[in-house]
C-alpha atoms as a PDB file:
ATOM      1  CA  UNK A   1     -67.974  83.976 185.550  1.00  0.00           C
ATOM      2  CA  UNK A   2     -69.988  86.084 183.168  1.00  0.00           C
ATOM      3  CA  UNK A   3     -73.259  87.277 184.624  1.00  0.00           C
ATOM      4  CA  UNK A   4     -75.846  88.862 182.384  1.00  0.00           C
ATOM      5  CA  UNK A   5     -78.851  90.506 183.939  1.00  0.00           C
ATOM      6  CA  UNK A   6     -82.085  91.222 182.115  1.00  0.00           C
ATOM      7  CA  UNK A   7     -84.704  93.688 183.267  1.00  0.00           C
ATOM      8  CA  UNK A   8     -87.886  95.276 182.000  1.00  0.00           C
ATOM      9  CA  UNK A   9     -90.248  92.336 181.731  1.00  0.00           C
ATOM     10  CA  UNK A  10     -93.870  92.441 182.693  1.00  0.00           C
ATOM     11  CA  UNK A  11     -97.451  92.239 181.506  1.00  0.00           C
ATOM     12  CA  UNK A  12     -98.980  94.384 178.806  1.00  0.00           C
ATOM     13  CA  UNK A  13    -102.084  94.468 176.672  1.00  0.00           C
ATOM     14  CA  UNK A  14    -101.936  93.772 172.941  1.00  0.00           C
ATOM     15  CA  UNK A  15    -100.599  96.800 171.114  1.00  0.00           C
ATOM     16  CA  UNK A  16     -98.563  97.881 174.105  1.00  0.00           C
ATOM     17  CA  UNK A  17     -94.831  98.411 174.445  1.00  0.00           C
ATOM     18  CA  UNK A  18     -92.051  97.260 176.718  1.00  0.00           C
ATOM     19  CA  UNK A  19     -88.326  97.860 176.828  1.00  0.00           C
ATOM     20  CA  UNK A  20     -85.921  95.181 177.969  1.00  0.00           C
ATOM     21  CA  UNK A  21     -82.353  95.822 179.058  1.00  0.00           C
ATOM     22  CA  UNK A  22     -79.409  93.473 179.317  1.00  0.00           C
ATOM     23  CA  UNK A  23     -76.299  94.409 181.237  1.00  0.00           C
ATOM     24  CA  UNK A  24     -73.296  93.011 183.014  1.00  0.00           C
ATOM     25  CA  UNK A  25     -70.684  94.354 185.400  1.00  0.00           C
ATOM     26  CA  UNK A  26     -68.110  91.872 184.079  1.00  0.00           C
ATOM     27  CA  UNK A  27     -67.033  93.422 180.772  1.00  0.00           C
ATOM     28  CA  UNK A  28     -67.943  96.082 178.175  1.00  0.00           C
ATOM     29  CA  UNK A  29     -70.743  94.713 176.023  1.00  0.00           C
ATOM     30  CA  UNK A  30     -69.580  96.733 173.016  1.00  0.00           C
ATOM     31  CA  UNK A  31     -66.929  94.092 172.263  1.00  0.00           C
ATOM     32  CA  UNK A  32     -69.519  91.331 171.899  1.00  0.00           C
ATOM     33  CA  UNK A  33     -72.439  90.437 169.731  1.00  0.00           C
ATOM     34  CA  UNK A  34     -75.540  90.284 171.881  1.00  0.00           C
ATOM     35  CA  UNK A  35     -78.720  88.423 171.072  1.00  0.00           C
ATOM     36  CA  UNK A  36     -82.164  88.367 172.562  1.00  0.00           C
ATOM     37  CA  UNK A  37     -83.749  84.942 172.420  1.00  0.00           C
ATOM     38  CA  UNK A  38     -87.217  84.030 173.607  1.00  0.00           C
ATOM     39  CA  UNK A  39     -88.957  80.868 174.665  1.00  0.00           C
ATOM     40  CA  UNK A  40     -92.717  80.618 174.663  1.00  0.00           C
ATOM     41  CA  UNK A  41     -94.500  78.016 176.785  1.00  0.00           C
ATOM     42  CA  UNK A  42     -94.140  74.607 175.221  1.00  0.00           C
ATOM     43  CA  UNK A  43     -91.919  75.841 172.428  1.00  0.00           C
ATOM     44  CA  UNK A  44     -88.227  75.840 171.651  1.00  0.00           C
ATOM     45  CA  UNK A  45     -86.035  78.828 172.331  1.00  0.00           C
ATOM     46  CA  UNK A  46     -85.758  81.052 169.260  1.00  0.00           C
ATOM     47  CA  UNK A  47     -83.837  84.189 168.339  1.00  0.00           C
ATOM     48  CA  UNK A  48     -85.720  87.460 168.306  1.00  0.00           C
ATOM     49  CA  UNK A  49     -83.022  90.041 167.625  1.00  0.00           C
ATOM     50  CA  UNK A  50     -79.264  90.371 167.601  1.00  0.00           C
ATOM     51  CA  UNK A  51     -76.698  93.160 167.379  1.00  0.00           C
ATOM     52  CA  UNK A  52     -73.176  92.692 166.091  1.00  0.00           C
ATOM     53  CA  UNK A  53     -70.057  94.453 167.352  1.00  0.00           C
ATOM     54  CA  UNK A  54     -70.327  96.857 164.399  1.00  0.00           C
ATOM     55  CA  UNK A  55     -73.926  97.582 165.480  1.00  0.00           C
ATOM     56  CA  UNK A  56     -75.496  95.893 162.499  1.00  0.00           C
ATOM     57  CA  UNK A  57     -78.687  94.126 163.490  1.00  0.00           C
ATOM     58  CA  UNK A  58     -80.625  90.986 162.696  1.00  0.00           C
ATOM     59  CA  UNK A  59     -84.298  90.389 163.434  1.00  0.00           C
ATOM     60  CA  UNK A  60     -86.619  87.434 163.257  1.00  0.00           C
ATOM     61  CA  UNK A  61     -89.304  87.934 160.625  1.00  0.00           C
ATOM     62  CA  UNK A  62     -91.950  87.754 163.341  1.00  0.00           C
ATOM     63  CA  UNK A  63     -90.626  90.876 165.092  1.00  0.00           C
ATOM     64  CA  UNK A  64     -89.351  92.990 162.186  1.00  0.00           C
ATOM     65  CA  UNK A  65     -90.790  96.468 162.241  1.00  0.00           C
ATOM     66  CA  UNK A  66     -91.923  96.080 165.853  1.00  0.00           C
ATOM     67  CA  UNK A  67     -88.743  95.356 167.840  1.00  0.00           C
ATOM     68  CA  UNK A  68     -85.558  97.412 167.886  1.00  0.00           C
ATOM     69  CA  UNK A  69     -82.281  96.270 169.424  1.00  0.00           C
ATOM     70  CA  UNK A  70     -79.694  98.876 170.353  1.00  0.00           C
ATOM     71  CA  UNK A  71     -76.625  99.511 172.459  1.00  0.00           C
ATOM     72  CA  UNK A  72     -76.238 102.124 175.151  1.00  0.00           C
ATOM     73  CA  UNK A  73     -72.506 102.334 175.682  1.00  0.00           C
ATOM     74  CA  UNK A  74     -72.757 104.800 178.533  1.00  0.00           C
ATOM     75  CA  UNK A  75     -74.972 102.402 180.511  1.00  0.00           C
ATOM     76  CA  UNK A  76     -73.276  99.267 179.151  1.00  0.00           C
ATOM     77  CA  UNK A  77     -76.605  97.824 178.127  1.00  0.00           C
ATOM     78  CA  UNK A  78     -78.180  96.249 175.095  1.00  0.00           C
ATOM     79  CA  UNK A  79     -81.829  97.170 174.961  1.00  0.00           C
ATOM     80  CA  UNK A  80     -84.780  95.657 173.157  1.00  0.00           C
ATOM     81  CA  UNK A  81     -87.604  98.068 172.454  1.00  0.00           C
ATOM     82  CA  UNK A  82     -90.751  96.099 171.760  1.00  0.00           C
ATOM     83  CA  UNK A  83     -93.731  97.868 170.234  1.00  0.00           C
ATOM     84  CA  UNK A  84     -97.147  96.645 169.139  1.00  0.00           C
ATOM     85  CA  UNK A  85     -96.787  93.563 171.291  1.00  0.00           C
ATOM     86  CA  UNK A  86     -99.087  90.670 170.513  1.00  0.00           C
ATOM     87  CA  UNK A  87    -100.118  87.583 172.490  1.00  0.00           C
ATOM     88  CA  UNK A  88     -97.736  85.491 170.422  1.00  0.00           C
ATOM     89  CA  UNK A  89     -94.860  87.543 171.855  1.00  0.00           C
ATOM     90  CA  UNK A  90     -95.572  86.054 175.275  1.00  0.00           C
ATOM     91  CA  UNK A  91     -92.387  84.297 176.345  1.00  0.00           C
ATOM     92  CA  UNK A  92     -89.393  84.377 178.608  1.00  0.00           C
ATOM     93  CA  UNK A  93     -86.783  86.603 176.991  1.00  0.00           C
ATOM     94  CA  UNK A  94     -83.092  85.892 177.444  1.00  0.00           C
ATOM     95  CA  UNK A  95     -80.081  87.952 176.482  1.00  0.00           C
ATOM     96  CA  UNK A  96     -76.948  86.118 175.492  1.00  0.00           C
ATOM     97  CA  UNK A  97     -73.408  87.041 174.531  1.00  0.00           C
ATOM     98  CA  UNK A  98     -71.101  85.428 171.989  1.00  0.00           C
ATOM     99  CA  UNK A  99     -67.364  84.891 172.208  1.00  0.00           C
ATOM    100  CA  UNK A 100     -66.462  88.485 171.446  1.00  0.00           C
ATOM    101  CA  UNK A 101     -64.206  90.080 168.842  1.00  0.00           C
ATOM    102  CA  UNK A 102     -61.629  87.325 168.982  1.00  0.00           C
ATOM    103  CA  UNK A 103     -63.742  84.171 169.302  1.00  0.00           C
ATOM    104  CA  UNK A 104     -67.298  85.199 168.568  1.00  0.00           C
ATOM    105  CA  UNK A 105     -69.348  84.093 165.573  1.00  0.00           C
ATOM    106  CA  UNK A 106     -71.555  87.151 165.576  1.00  0.00           C
ATOM    107  CA  UNK A 107     -75.230  87.185 164.749  1.00  0.00           C
ATOM    108  CA  UNK A 108     -75.013  85.630 161.297  1.00  0.00           C
ATOM    109  CA  UNK A 109     -78.171  85.558 159.232  1.00  0.00           C
ATOM    110  CA  UNK A 110     -79.967  83.695 162.006  1.00  0.00           C
ATOM    111  CA  UNK A 111     -78.410  83.729 165.491  1.00  0.00           C
ATOM    112  CA  UNK A 112     -77.621  80.233 166.702  1.00  0.00           C
ATOM    113  CA  UNK A 113     -78.050  79.251 170.321  1.00  0.00           C
ATOM    114  CA  UNK A 114     -74.762  77.374 170.151  1.00  0.00           C
ATOM    115  CA  UNK A 115     -72.868  80.552 169.208  1.00  0.00           C
ATOM    116  CA  UNK A 116     -73.867  82.304 172.408  1.00  0.00           C
ATOM    117  CA  UNK A 117     -72.142  80.935 175.463  1.00  0.00           C
ATOM    118  CA  UNK A 118     -73.298  83.149 178.308  1.00  0.00           C
ATOM    119  CA  UNK A 119     -76.919  83.746 179.186  1.00  0.00           C
ATOM    120  CA  UNK A 120     -79.008  85.767 181.554  1.00  0.00           C
ATOM    121  CA  UNK A 121     -81.656  84.293 183.786  1.00  0.00           C
ATOM    122  CA  UNK A 122     -84.504  85.500 181.597  1.00  0.00           C
ATOM    123  CA  UNK A 123     -87.332  87.962 182.031  1.00  0.00           C
ATOM    124  CA  UNK A 124     -90.982  87.125 181.403  1.00  0.00           C
ATOM    125  CA  UNK A 125     -93.232  89.021 178.995  1.00  0.00           C
ATOM    126  CA  UNK A 126     -96.951  88.366 179.054  1.00  0.00           C
ATOM    127  CA  UNK A 127     -99.210  89.934 176.448  1.00  0.00           C
ATOM    128  CA  UNK A 128    -102.901  89.466 177.079  1.00  0.00           C
ATOM    129  CA  UNK A 129    -106.141  91.500 176.923  1.00  0.00           C
END
């Protein structure tokens, strides 16, 4: 069973930065598109950023210019660098993996929850003064 593990959550003041990491010991992440989704209290889960197997990236308009998704092949992680965090970024952040090179749909223009079959447990980000 695929097990994704997120780390790096916490509390920060507006304008601050955090870096999330997603990893697994099950397989090399480089063969999969990886997305970071987030779910704010009382809201639906939404995509924040996604990286394809060719390392092209997709970002939600709300995070463009502030968030950067990247792969670290040596550590087998996909990281999400989040700068200039705002209260509206408060959410639980989940990493998710698609079906891979053979079966995966990739990020597309907007990552779809249904295209990502394995999920981490989530890590909470709180942005407040």
